[in-house]
Amino acid sequence: MGCSSTPQKEDGIDALTQQRIEQWKNLIDSGSQWSDLKKLTSVNDFVNQFNFVDDIDHWRKQDYWATPLETLVTKGGDCEDFAIAKYFTLTAMGMPKEKMRLTYVKALSINKAHMVVSYYEQRNAEPLLLDNLNRKILPASQRQDLVPAYSFNGTGLWLSKKAKTDEYVDDSSRISLWQQLIYRMDVEAADEKAMICLYQYYDLPVSVAKTKCS
């Protein structure tokens, strides 16, 4: 049998892409039995390995929330994509949704809106923050460079109040980008391999990408 330097493809999926997906799924399977802190640390480190890319350069859109699979396959994303990938990886490990929120903040160090994952050990406890700007998981009180604006998860939306408990204002259905994200994740679940193949060609028109995955 001869040797080849070209990675082999299965179902149109490049070997290196398949390897990343398998590493992610193995992390989820292994992590289901871990403590919350080990889950948080492992997921934070895993997702932060990818490249930071602004939406306009990555997706040719001003604002786009990628699914975890899109981030994994394309090996990059922005702060929202990283936070979303962490949130759904943790929920897949069995982390209760009520312990986590996606939190929009103003990052003073870059003077921009930014997103992190907030983990609450107990209701109304000070959250730990999972971030890609500062990769060390720290309590919110130790992140004076971040000013919270609002947070949400699959069940609710909260406005941040200075020196007060966050105020629940609505369910998360009012966030259109969140609803679009959930819809695309449902589409992925119906035929994951086909979508992974298409994501490999994210920088091509869909019609062209489909010819490479047929």
C-alpha atoms as a PDB file:
ATOM      1  CA  MET A   1       0.000   0.000   0.000  1.00  0.00           C
ATOM      2  CA  GLY A   2       1.457   3.358  -0.979  1.00  0.00           C
ATOM      3  CA  CYS A   3       1.729   6.416   1.246  1.00  0.00           C
ATOM      4  CA  SER A   4       0.007   9.712   0.527  1.00  0.00           C
ATOM      5  CA  SER A   5       0.699  13.183   1.942  1.00  0.00           C
ATOM      6  CA  THR A   6      -2.861  14.283   1.169  1.00  0.00           C
ATOM      7  CA  PRO A   7      -5.294  13.893   4.098  1.00  0.00           C
ATOM      8  CA  GLN A   8      -8.088  11.522   3.179  1.00  0.00           C
ATOM      9  CA  LYS A   9     -11.712  12.598   3.272  1.00  0.00           C
ATOM     10  CA  GLU A  10     -14.719  10.769   4.617  1.00  0.00           C
ATOM     11  CA  ASP A  11     -18.162  11.971   3.490  1.00  0.00           C
ATOM     12  CA  GLY A  12     -16.344  14.953   1.990  1.00  0.00           C
ATOM     13  CA  ILE A  13     -14.919  15.952   5.389  1.00  0.00           C
ATOM     14  CA  ASP A  14     -11.200  16.671   5.571  1.00  0.00           C
ATOM     15  CA  ALA A  15      -9.255  14.463   8.003  1.00  0.00           C
ATOM     16  CA  LEU A  16      -8.054  17.415  10.096  1.00  0.00           C
ATOM     17  CA  THR A  17     -11.573  18.800  10.338  1.00  0.00           C
ATOM     18  CA  GLN A  18     -12.863  15.378  11.375  1.00  0.00           C
ATOM     19  CA  GLN A  19     -10.130  15.202  14.001  1.00  0.00           C
ATOM     20  CA  ARG A  20     -11.194  18.526  15.550  1.00  0.00           C
ATOM     21  CA  ILE A  21     -14.829  17.419  15.657  1.00  0.00           C
ATOM     22  CA  GLU A  22     -13.860  14.137  17.311  1.00  0.00           C
ATOM     23  CA  GLN A  23     -11.720  15.962  19.890  1.00  0.00           C
ATOM     24  CA  TRP A  24     -14.688  18.191  20.702  1.00  0.00           C
ATOM     25  CA  LYS A  25     -17.083  15.274  21.057  1.00  0.00           C
ATOM     26  CA  ASN A  26     -14.572  13.335  23.171  1.00  0.00           C
ATOM     27  CA  LEU A  27     -14.247  16.386  25.415  1.00  0.00           C
ATOM     28  CA  ILE A  28     -18.029  16.462  25.838  1.00  0.00           C
ATOM     29  CA  ASP A  29     -18.234  12.731  26.587  1.00  0.00           C
ATOM     30  CA  SER A  30     -15.349  12.783  29.075  1.00  0.00           C
ATOM     31  CA  GLY A  31     -16.458  16.019  30.684  1.00  0.00           C
ATOM     32  CA  SER A  32     -19.942  14.790  31.507  1.00  0.00           C
ATOM     33  CA  GLN A  33     -18.475  13.216  34.671  1.00  0.00           C
ATOM     34  CA  TRP A  34     -16.240  16.124  35.714  1.00  0.00           C
ATOM     35  CA  SER A  35     -16.730  18.777  38.370  1.00  0.00           C
ATOM     36  CA  ASP A  36     -18.132  22.116  37.235  1.00  0.00           C
ATOM     37  CA  LEU A  37     -14.750  23.819  37.635  1.00  0.00           C
ATOM     38  CA  LYS A  38     -12.942  21.231  35.515  1.00  0.00           C
ATOM     39  CA  LYS A  39     -15.645  21.520  32.853  1.00  0.00           C
ATOM     40  CA  LEU A  40     -15.282  25.302  32.789  1.00  0.00           C
ATOM     41  CA  THR A  41     -11.485  25.227  32.585  1.00  0.00           C
ATOM     42  CA  SER A  42     -11.319  22.524  29.919  1.00  0.00           C
ATOM     43  CA  VAL A  43     -13.954  24.103  27.679  1.00  0.00           C
ATOM     44  CA  ASN A  44     -12.491  27.585  28.052  1.00  0.00           C
ATOM     45  CA  ASP A  45      -9.041  26.319  27.036  1.00  0.00           C
ATOM     46  CA  PHE A  46     -10.380  24.218  24.152  1.00  0.00           C
ATOM     47  CA  VAL A  47     -12.360  27.011  22.496  1.00  0.00           C
ATOM     48  CA  ASN A  48      -9.735  29.698  23.096  1.00  0.00           C
ATOM     49  CA  GLN A  49      -7.262  27.795  20.909  1.00  0.00           C
ATOM     50  CA  PHE A  50      -9.049  29.009  17.784  1.00  0.00           C
ATOM     51  CA  ASN A  51      -8.216  32.182  15.881  1.00  0.00           C
ATOM     52  CA  PHE A  52      -9.992  35.458  16.553  1.00  0.00           C
ATOM     53  CA  VAL A  53     -11.545  36.749  13.326  1.00  0.00           C
ATOM     54  CA  ASP A  54     -13.982  39.664  12.982  1.00  0.00           C
ATOM     55  CA  ASP A  55     -17.365  38.817  11.435  1.00  0.00           C
ATOM     56  CA  ILE A  56     -16.811  41.119   8.460  1.00  0.00           C
ATOM     57  CA  ASP A  57     -13.637  39.243   7.521  1.00  0.00           C
ATOM     58  CA  HIS A  58     -14.888  35.773   8.456  1.00  0.00           C
ATOM     59  CA  TRP A  59     -18.516  35.766   7.313  1.00  0.00           C
ATOM     60  CA  ARG A  60     -18.683  38.960   5.235  1.00  0.00           C
ATOM     61  CA  LYS A  61     -21.371  40.212   7.613  1.00  0.00           C
ATOM     62  CA  GLN A  62     -21.391  42.975  10.213  1.00  0.00           C
ATOM     63  CA  ASP A  63     -22.821  40.699  12.906  1.00  0.00           C
ATOM     64  CA  TYR A  64     -23.148  36.925  12.724  1.00  0.00           C
ATOM     65  CA  TRP A  65     -23.469  34.383  15.527  1.00  0.00           C
ATOM     66  CA  ALA A  66     -21.812  31.149  14.429  1.00  0.00           C
ATOM     67  CA  THR A  67     -22.843  27.737  15.679  1.00  0.00           C
ATOM     68  CA  PRO A  68     -20.214  25.746  17.594  1.00  0.00           C
ATOM     69  CA  LEU A  69     -19.750  23.521  14.531  1.00  0.00           C
ATOM     70  CA  GLU A  70     -19.132  26.533  12.303  1.00  0.00           C
ATOM     71  CA  THR A  71     -16.474  27.788  14.720  1.00  0.00           C
ATOM     72  CA  LEU A  72     -14.834  24.363  14.958  1.00  0.00           C
ATOM     73  CA  VAL A  73     -14.795  23.693  11.226  1.00  0.00           C
ATOM     74  CA  THR A  74     -13.536  27.144  10.245  1.00  0.00           C
ATOM     75  CA  LYS A  75     -11.062  27.245  13.175  1.00  0.00           C
ATOM     76  CA  GLY A  76     -12.022  30.775  14.132  1.00  0.00           C
ATOM     77  CA  GLY A  77     -14.606  33.299  15.212  1.00  0.00           C
ATOM     78  CA  ASP A  78     -15.145  36.448  17.235  1.00  0.00           C
ATOM     79  CA  CYS A  79     -16.019  36.886  20.909  1.00  0.00           C
ATOM     80  CA  GLU A  80     -19.678  35.955  20.410  1.00  0.00           C
ATOM     81  CA  ASP A  81     -18.733  32.795  18.524  1.00  0.00           C
ATOM     82  CA  PHE A  82     -16.281  31.752  21.241  1.00  0.00           C
ATOM     83  CA  ALA A  83     -18.815  32.400  24.002  1.00  0.00           C
ATOM     84  CA  ILE A  84     -21.552  30.517  22.128  1.00  0.00           C
ATOM     85  CA  ALA A  85     -19.256  27.540  21.526  1.00  0.00           C
ATOM     86  CA  LYS A  86     -18.365  27.437  25.236  1.00  0.00           C
ATOM     87  CA  TYR A  87     -21.989  27.748  26.344  1.00  0.00           C
ATOM     88  CA  PHE A  88     -23.283  24.911  24.168  1.00  0.00           C
ATOM     89  CA  THR A  89     -20.296  22.669  24.842  1.00  0.00           C
ATOM     90  CA  LEU A  90     -20.928  23.033  28.566  1.00  0.00           C
ATOM     91  CA  THR A  91     -24.648  22.355  28.206  1.00  0.00           C
ATOM     92  CA  ALA A  92     -23.801  19.247  26.149  1.00  0.00           C
ATOM     93  CA  MET A  93     -21.660  18.111  29.091  1.00  0.00           C
ATOM     94  CA  GLY A  94     -24.713  18.376  31.300  1.00  0.00           C
ATOM     95  CA  MET A  95     -24.120  21.788  32.861  1.00  0.00           C
ATOM     96  CA  PRO A  96     -27.548  23.148  33.905  1.00  0.00           C
ATOM     97  CA  LYS A  97     -28.588  26.072  31.723  1.00  0.00           C
ATOM     98  CA  GLU A  98     -29.676  28.055  34.760  1.00  0.00           C
ATOM     99  CA  LYS A  99     -26.034  28.159  35.896  1.00  0.00           C
ATOM    100  CA  MET A 100     -24.897  29.929  32.741  1.00  0.00           C
ATOM    101  CA  ARG A 101     -25.574  33.059  30.760  1.00  0.00           C
ATOM    102  CA  LEU A 102     -24.106  34.709  27.720  1.00  0.00           C
ATOM    103  CA  THR A 103     -23.224  38.187  28.921  1.00  0.00           C
ATOM    104  CA  TYR A 104     -22.714  41.293  26.812  1.00  0.00           C
ATOM    105  CA  VAL A 105     -20.220  43.696  28.318  1.00  0.00           C
ATOM    106  CA  LYS A 106     -18.210  46.723  27.300  1.00  0.00           C
ATOM    107  CA  ALA A 107     -14.540  45.752  27.230  1.00  0.00           C
ATOM    108  CA  LEU A 108     -12.700  48.856  28.367  1.00  0.00           C
ATOM    109  CA  SER A 109      -9.312  47.606  27.174  1.00  0.00           C
ATOM    110  CA  ILE A 110     -10.485  47.604  23.552  1.00  0.00           C
ATOM    111  CA  ASN A 111     -13.413  50.041  23.941  1.00  0.00           C
ATOM    112  CA  LYS A 112     -15.819  47.652  22.247  1.00  0.00           C
ATOM    113  CA  ALA A 113     -18.861  45.535  22.963  1.00  0.00           C
ATOM    114  CA  HIS A 114     -17.790  42.048  23.956  1.00  0.00           C
ATOM    115  CA  MET A 115     -19.373  38.738  25.005  1.00  0.00           C
ATOM    116  CA  VAL A 116     -18.365  36.304  27.751  1.00  0.00           C
ATOM    117  CA  VAL A 117     -19.907  33.286  29.466  1.00  0.00           C
ATOM    118  CA  SER A 118     -21.006  33.853  33.065  1.00  0.00           C
ATOM    119  CA  TYR A 119     -21.171  30.833  35.368  1.00  0.00           C
ATOM    120  CA  TYR A 120     -23.239  31.024  38.567  1.00  0.00           C
ATOM    121  CA  GLU A 121     -22.547  28.314  41.128  1.00  0.00           C
ATOM    122  CA  GLN A 122     -25.780  29.319  42.841  1.00  0.00           C
ATOM    123  CA  ARG A 123     -28.580  31.707  41.984  1.00  0.00           C
ATOM    124  CA  ASN A 124     -27.523  35.347  42.502  1.00  0.00           C
ATOM    125  CA  ALA A 125     -23.944  34.277  43.294  1.00  0.00           C
ATOM    126  CA  GLU A 126     -21.058  36.283  41.879  1.00  0.00           C
ATOM    127  CA  PRO A 127     -20.358  34.735  38.479  1.00  0.00           C
ATOM    128  CA  LEU A 128     -17.115  33.355  37.112  1.00  0.00           C
ATOM    129  CA  LEU A 129     -16.326  34.670  33.641  1.00  0.00           C
ATOM    130  CA  LEU A 130     -15.079  32.628  30.690  1.00  0.00           C
ATOM    131  CA  ASP A 131     -13.416  34.966  28.223  1.00  0.00           C
ATOM    132  CA  ASN A 132     -11.023  35.070  25.288  1.00  0.00           C
ATOM    133  CA  LEU A 133      -9.461  38.459  26.127  1.00  0.00           C
ATOM    134  CA  ASN A 134      -8.286  37.253  29.535  1.00  0.00           C
ATOM    135  CA  ARG A 135      -8.053  33.490  29.354  1.00  0.00           C
ATOM    136  CA  LYS A 136      -7.920  33.020  33.118  1.00  0.00           C
ATOM    137  CA  ILE A 137     -11.339  32.263  34.624  1.00  0.00           C
ATOM    138  CA  LEU A 138     -11.967  34.943  37.240  1.00  0.00           C
ATOM    139  CA  PRO A 139     -14.854  36.219  39.391  1.00  0.00           C
ATOM    140  CA  ALA A 140     -16.654  39.195  37.862  1.00  0.00           C
ATOM    141  CA  SER A 141     -15.357  41.478  40.638  1.00  0.00           C
ATOM    142  CA  GLN A 142     -11.813  40.857  39.409  1.00  0.00           C
ATOM    143  CA  ARG A 143     -12.658  41.926  35.865  1.00  0.00           C
ATOM    144  CA  GLN A 144     -12.847  45.678  36.300  1.00  0.00           C
ATOM    145  CA  ASP A 145     -12.084  45.969  32.582  1.00  0.00           C
ATOM    146  CA  LEU A 146     -15.571  44.647  31.766  1.00  0.00           C
ATOM    147  CA  VAL A 147     -18.787  46.616  32.278  1.00  0.00           C
ATOM    148  CA  PRO A 148     -21.875  44.331  32.026  1.00  0.00           C
ATOM    149  CA  ALA A 149     -24.872  45.441  29.949  1.00  0.00           C
ATOM    150  CA  TYR A 150     -27.211  42.455  29.714  1.00  0.00           C
ATOM    151  CA  SER A 151     -27.166  38.676  29.825  1.00  0.00           C
ATOM    152  CA  PHE A 152     -29.312  35.841  28.518  1.00  0.00           C
ATOM    153  CA  ASN A 153     -29.610  32.088  28.144  1.00  0.00           C
ATOM    154  CA  GLY A 154     -32.173  29.711  26.680  1.00  0.00           C
ATOM    155  CA  THR A 155     -34.825  30.782  29.172  1.00  0.00           C
ATOM    156  CA  GLY A 156     -34.436  34.477  29.903  1.00  0.00           C
ATOM    157  CA  LEU A 157     -32.982  37.930  29.359  1.00  0.00           C
ATOM    158  CA  TRP A 158     -31.613  40.099  32.181  1.00  0.00           C
ATOM    159  CA  LEU A 159     -30.511  43.721  32.306  1.00  0.00           C
ATOM    160  CA  SER A 160     -27.493  44.468  34.475  1.00  0.00           C
ATOM    161  CA  LYS A 161     -28.044  46.935  37.296  1.00  0.00           C
ATOM    162  CA  LYS A 162     -25.142  48.670  38.976  1.00  0.00           C
ATOM    163  CA  ALA A 163     -24.660  47.336  42.506  1.00  0.00           C
ATOM    164  CA  LYS A 164     -27.963  45.454  42.239  1.00  0.00           C
ATOM    165  CA  THR A 165     -29.169  42.015  41.248  1.00  0.00           C
ATOM    166  CA  ASP A 166     -29.754  41.743  37.496  1.00  0.00           C
ATOM    167  CA  GLU A 167     -33.333  42.505  36.487  1.00  0.00           C
ATOM    168  CA  TYR A 168     -35.233  39.863  34.532  1.00  0.00           C
ATOM    169  CA  VAL A 169     -36.987  41.578  31.635  1.00  0.00           C
ATOM    170  CA  ASP A 170     -38.124  38.964  29.107  1.00  0.00           C
ATOM    171  CA  ASP A 171     -37.424  35.583  27.568  1.00  0.00           C
ATOM    172  CA  SER A 172     -34.569  35.298  25.071  1.00  0.00           C
ATOM    173  CA  SER A 173     -36.898  34.958  22.057  1.00  0.00           C
ATOM    174  CA  ARG A 174     -36.700  38.713  21.533  1.00  0.00           C
ATOM    175  CA  ILE A 175     -33.026  38.340  20.492  1.00  0.00           C
ATOM    176  CA  SER A 176     -33.246  37.669  16.764  1.00  0.00           C
ATOM    177  CA  LEU A 177     -29.633  36.524  16.347  1.00  0.00           C
ATOM    178  CA  TRP A 178     -30.196  33.954  19.105  1.00  0.00           C
ATOM    179  CA  GLN A 179     -33.293  32.608  17.387  1.00  0.00           C
ATOM    180  CA  GLN A 180     -31.450  32.396  14.054  1.00  0.00           C
ATOM    181  CA  LEU A 181     -28.630  30.536  15.784  1.00  0.00           C
ATOM    182  CA  ILE A 182     -30.991  27.980  17.356  1.00  0.00           C
ATOM    183  CA  TYR A 183     -32.676  27.425  13.991  1.00  0.00           C
ATOM    184  CA  ARG A 184     -29.331  26.747  12.264  1.00  0.00           C
ATOM    185  CA  MET A 185     -28.334  24.333  15.023  1.00  0.00           C
ATOM    186  CA  ASP A 186     -31.575  22.430  14.426  1.00  0.00           C
ATOM    187  CA  VAL A 187     -30.721  22.262  10.707  1.00  0.00           C
ATOM    188  CA  GLU A 188     -27.257  20.932  11.590  1.00  0.00           C
ATOM    189  CA  ALA A 189     -28.703  18.242  13.824  1.00  0.00           C
ATOM    190  CA  ALA A 190     -30.801  16.914  10.935  1.00  0.00           C
ATOM    191  CA  ASP A 191     -27.704  16.180   8.804  1.00  0.00           C
ATOM    192  CA  GLU A 192     -24.527  17.012  10.691  1.00  0.00           C
ATOM    193  CA  LYS A 193     -22.026  15.492   8.247  1.00  0.00           C
ATOM    194  CA  ALA A 194     -23.472  17.363   5.273  1.00  0.00           C
ATOM    195  CA  MET A 195     -23.324  20.680   7.148  1.00  0.00           C
ATOM    196  CA  ILE A 196     -19.756  20.062   8.332  1.00  0.00           C
ATOM    197  CA  CYS A 197     -18.730  19.466   4.727  1.00  0.00           C
ATOM    198  CA  LEU A 198     -20.396  22.698   3.590  1.00  0.00           C
ATOM    199  CA  TYR A 199     -18.797  24.692   6.416  1.00  0.00           C
ATOM    200  CA  GLN A 200     -15.373  23.706   5.080  1.00  0.00           C
ATOM    201  CA  TYR A 201     -16.149  25.928   2.090  1.00  0.00           C
ATOM    202  CA  TYR A 202     -17.693  28.785   4.055  1.00  0.00           C
ATOM    203  CA  ASP A 203     -15.811  31.350   1.970  1.00  0.00           C
ATOM    204  CA  LEU A 204     -17.417  30.108  -1.257  1.00  0.00           C
ATOM    205  CA  PRO A 205     -20.979  30.643  -2.516  1.00  0.00           C
ATOM    206  CA  VAL A 206     -23.325  27.948  -1.201  1.00  0.00           C
ATOM    207  CA  SER A 207     -24.022  26.730  -4.727  1.00  0.00           C
ATOM    208  CA  VAL A 208     -20.307  26.101  -5.278  1.00  0.00           C
ATOM    209  CA  ALA A 209     -19.827  24.525  -1.826  1.00  0.00           C
ATOM    210  CA  LYS A 210     -22.631  22.056  -2.546  1.00  0.00           C
ATOM    211  CA  THR A 211     -20.841  20.794  -5.664  1.00  0.00           C
ATOM    212  CA  LYS A 212     -17.843  19.901  -3.490  1.00  0.00           C
ATOM    213  CA  CYS A 213     -19.983  18.004  -1.004  1.00  0.00           C
ATOM    214  CA  SER A 214     -22.278  16.132  -3.393  1.00  0.00           C
END
